[in-house]
Protein backbone atom coordinates (compact mmCIF):
# COMPACT_ATOMS: atom_id res chain seq x y z
CA MET A 1 -3.78 -33.42 -10.08
CA LEU A 2 -0.38 -31.83 -10.82
CA ARG A 3 -0.54 -33.10 -14.38
CA GLU A 4 -4.06 -31.69 -14.80
CA LEU A 5 -2.97 -28.27 -13.55
CA ARG A 6 0.28 -28.26 -15.54
CA THR A 7 -1.47 -29.10 -18.81
CA ALA A 8 -4.19 -26.51 -18.12
CA SER A 9 -1.55 -23.85 -17.49
CA LEU A 10 0.32 -24.74 -20.68
CA ARG A 11 -2.87 -24.62 -22.73
CA ASP A 12 -3.67 -21.19 -21.31
CA ALA A 13 -0.20 -19.63 -21.44
CA PRO A 14 2.31 -21.81 -23.33
CA TYR A 15 4.82 -18.94 -23.51
CA ALA A 16 5.01 -18.51 -19.74
CA PHE A 17 6.46 -21.81 -18.57
CA GLY A 18 9.63 -23.80 -19.17
CA ASP A 19 7.75 -26.89 -20.36
CA SER A 20 5.83 -27.60 -23.53
CA LEU A 21 2.27 -28.88 -23.62
CA GLU A 22 3.44 -31.83 -25.72
CA ASP A 23 5.98 -32.84 -23.06
CA ALA A 24 3.42 -32.57 -20.26
CA LEU A 25 0.84 -34.59 -22.19
CA SER A 26 3.33 -37.31 -23.12
CA ALA A 27 4.73 -37.67 -19.59
CA ASP A 28 3.40 -40.59 -17.60
CA ALA A 29 1.14 -39.63 -14.69
CA ALA A 30 3.61 -41.46 -12.43
CA VAL A 31 6.19 -38.74 -13.18
CA PHE A 32 3.90 -36.11 -11.69
CA ASP A 33 2.99 -38.36 -8.76
CA ALA A 34 6.67 -38.98 -8.01
CA ALA A 35 7.40 -35.25 -8.06
CA ALA A 36 4.55 -34.61 -5.63
CA ALA A 37 5.80 -37.36 -3.31
CA ARG A 38 9.38 -35.98 -3.35
CA GLN A 39 8.17 -32.49 -2.54
CA ALA A 40 5.85 -33.55 0.28
CA ASP A 41 8.69 -33.59 2.83
CA SER A 42 11.32 -31.55 0.99
CA HIS A 43 13.15 -28.59 2.46
CA THR A 44 14.35 -27.46 -0.97
CA ALA A 45 11.31 -27.60 -3.29
CA THR A 46 7.54 -27.69 -3.08
CA THR A 47 4.35 -26.89 -4.98
CA PHE A 48 1.27 -25.16 -3.61
CA ILE A 49 -2.16 -25.81 -5.10
CA LEU A 50 -5.08 -23.40 -5.00
CA TYR A 51 -8.54 -24.88 -4.52
CA THR A 52 -11.81 -23.08 -5.16
CA GLU A 53 -15.06 -24.80 -4.27
CA GLY A 54 -13.18 -28.07 -3.83
CA HIS A 55 -11.52 -28.04 -7.25
CA PRO A 56 -7.86 -27.40 -8.09
CA ALA A 57 -7.65 -23.98 -9.73
CA GLY A 58 -4.02 -22.90 -9.58
CA LEU A 59 -0.48 -23.69 -8.54
CA ILE A 60 2.95 -22.24 -7.85
CA GLY A 61 6.33 -23.82 -7.38
CA ALA A 62 8.93 -22.75 -4.82
CA ASN A 63 12.50 -23.94 -4.53
CA PHE A 64 16.04 -23.18 -3.50
CA GLU A 65 18.98 -23.20 -5.89
CA SER A 66 21.80 -25.56 -5.07
CA ALA A 67 24.58 -24.30 -2.83
CA PRO A 68 26.52 -22.08 -2.64
CA ALA A 69 24.03 -19.43 -3.81
CA ARG A 70 20.91 -21.19 -2.45
CA ARG A 71 18.69 -18.39 -3.76
CA ALA A 72 14.95 -18.88 -3.19
CA PHE A 73 12.62 -18.84 -6.19
CA VAL A 74 8.91 -18.87 -6.94
CA PHE A 75 7.99 -20.12 -10.40
CA ALA A 76 5.28 -21.54 -12.63
CA LEU A 77 2.49 -19.48 -11.07
CA TRP A 78 -0.83 -20.13 -12.77
CA VAL A 79 -4.44 -19.51 -11.79
CA ALA A 80 -7.40 -20.67 -13.87
CA PRO A 81 -8.84 -17.73 -15.85
CA ALA A 82 -12.33 -18.24 -14.40
CA VAL A 83 -11.12 -17.58 -10.85
CA ARG A 84 -8.35 -15.01 -11.32
CA HIS A 85 -10.60 -12.28 -9.93
CA LEU A 86 -10.57 -14.09 -6.55
CA ARG A 87 -6.94 -13.06 -5.93
CA GLY A 88 -5.70 -16.64 -5.87
CA GLY A 89 -2.37 -15.57 -7.34
CA GLU A 90 -1.72 -13.46 -4.27
CA LEU A 91 -2.64 -16.36 -1.99
CA LEU A 92 -0.29 -18.69 -3.85
CA VAL A 93 2.64 -16.25 -3.92
CA ASN A 94 2.23 -15.45 -0.23
CA ALA A 95 2.01 -19.16 0.67
CA ALA A 96 5.18 -19.88 -1.30
CA ILE A 97 6.99 -16.91 0.25
CA ASP A 98 5.91 -17.97 3.75
CA TRP A 99 7.30 -21.47 3.13
CA LEU A 100 10.57 -20.14 1.70
CA ALA A 101 10.92 -17.75 4.65
CA SER A 102 10.33 -20.65 7.06
CA GLU A 103 13.33 -22.30 5.38
CA ASN A 104 15.39 -19.13 6.10
CA ALA A 105 15.05 -17.29 2.78
CA THR A 106 15.44 -13.53 3.07
CA GLN A 107 15.08 -12.71 -0.62
CA ILE A 108 12.70 -14.30 -3.12
CA TYR A 109 13.39 -14.36 -6.86
CA ALA A 110 11.19 -14.95 -9.91
CA TRP A 111 12.03 -15.10 -13.62
CA VAL A 112 9.24 -13.49 -15.65
CA THR A 113 8.93 -13.53 -19.43
CA ASP A 114 9.30 -9.96 -20.69
CA SER A 115 6.34 -10.29 -23.05
CA ASN A 116 4.05 -11.29 -20.16
CA THR A 117 3.31 -7.75 -19.00
CA THR A 118 0.36 -8.91 -16.89
CA ALA A 119 2.63 -11.18 -14.84
CA MET A 120 5.27 -8.46 -14.60
CA ARG A 121 2.74 -5.97 -13.18
CA PHE A 122 1.37 -8.62 -10.80
CA TYR A 123 4.80 -9.38 -9.34
CA GLU A 124 5.55 -5.66 -9.02
CA ARG A 125 2.31 -5.23 -7.04
CA MET A 126 3.48 -8.11 -4.85
CA GLY A 127 6.62 -6.17 -3.94
CA PHE A 128 9.09 -7.60 -6.48
CA ILE A 129 11.56 -5.34 -8.27
CA ALA A 130 13.73 -5.95 -11.33
CA THR A 131 17.31 -6.93 -10.50
CA GLY A 132 18.71 -5.89 -13.88
CA ASP A 133 19.45 -9.51 -14.83
CA HIS A 134 18.02 -10.78 -18.13
CA ALA A 135 18.27 -14.17 -19.83
CA ARG A 136 16.89 -15.92 -22.86
CA SER A 137 13.83 -17.99 -22.12
CA THR A 138 14.49 -21.65 -21.40
CA GLN A 139 11.64 -22.54 -23.77
CA THR A 140 12.51 -20.39 -26.77
CA SER A 141 15.56 -18.31 -27.57
CA GLU A 142 13.38 -15.59 -29.13
CA GLN A 143 11.96 -14.58 -25.76
CA TRP A 144 13.70 -12.90 -22.86
CA GLU A 145 13.06 -13.11 -19.15
CA THR A 146 13.74 -10.60 -16.39
CA LEU A 147 14.83 -11.63 -12.91
CA LEU A 148 12.71 -10.04 -10.19
CA MET A 149 13.44 -10.02 -6.46
CA ARG A 150 11.50 -9.33 -3.29
CA ASP A 151 13.46 -8.56 -0.13
CA LEU A 152 11.75 -9.97 2.96
CA ALA A 153 13.75 -8.00 5.52
CA GLY A 154 11.10 -6.28 7.60
CA ALA A 155 8.46 -6.68 4.89
CA ALA A 156 4.84 -7.56 5.54
CA PRO A 157 2.81 -9.55 2.98
CA VAL A 158 1.87 -7.39 0.02
CA ALA A 159 -1.52 -7.48 -1.69
CA SER A 160 -2.52 -5.78 -4.88
CA ALA A 161 -5.01 -2.95 -4.81
CA GLN A 162 -8.45 -3.63 -6.17
């Protein structure tokens, strides 16, 4: 299932993720299964999957950097185009944030490709703000990413306005 969702996300938005479609397609299914098994009981990394009508329709990753910084990140958010209007992105981000908070995160970070203005606006509606940090994309040196952060201190879950 992870492989199916990863390849679907890369077909839809190849510029938005650190992997290439070719790499995902050439990877053995066992690689994805092993990642899912490792994350099942992990306190440092996990993936949440969105289901609609019994079918996988989206995913998001959440992890902690290695010590000493141990910053908490959400990444690789993707929701199938046919169900984006159902606010699944918000559900996934909030689920990931809840999990990170349960592991004692107080700030959540996300790298967003500068050219992906839709994602940038989405994260801003979810309470993230730009930190001022920028870096070249891990996928292509022609693209830049901006580091966003959401402070959880006293914050309630945020939902976008309809």
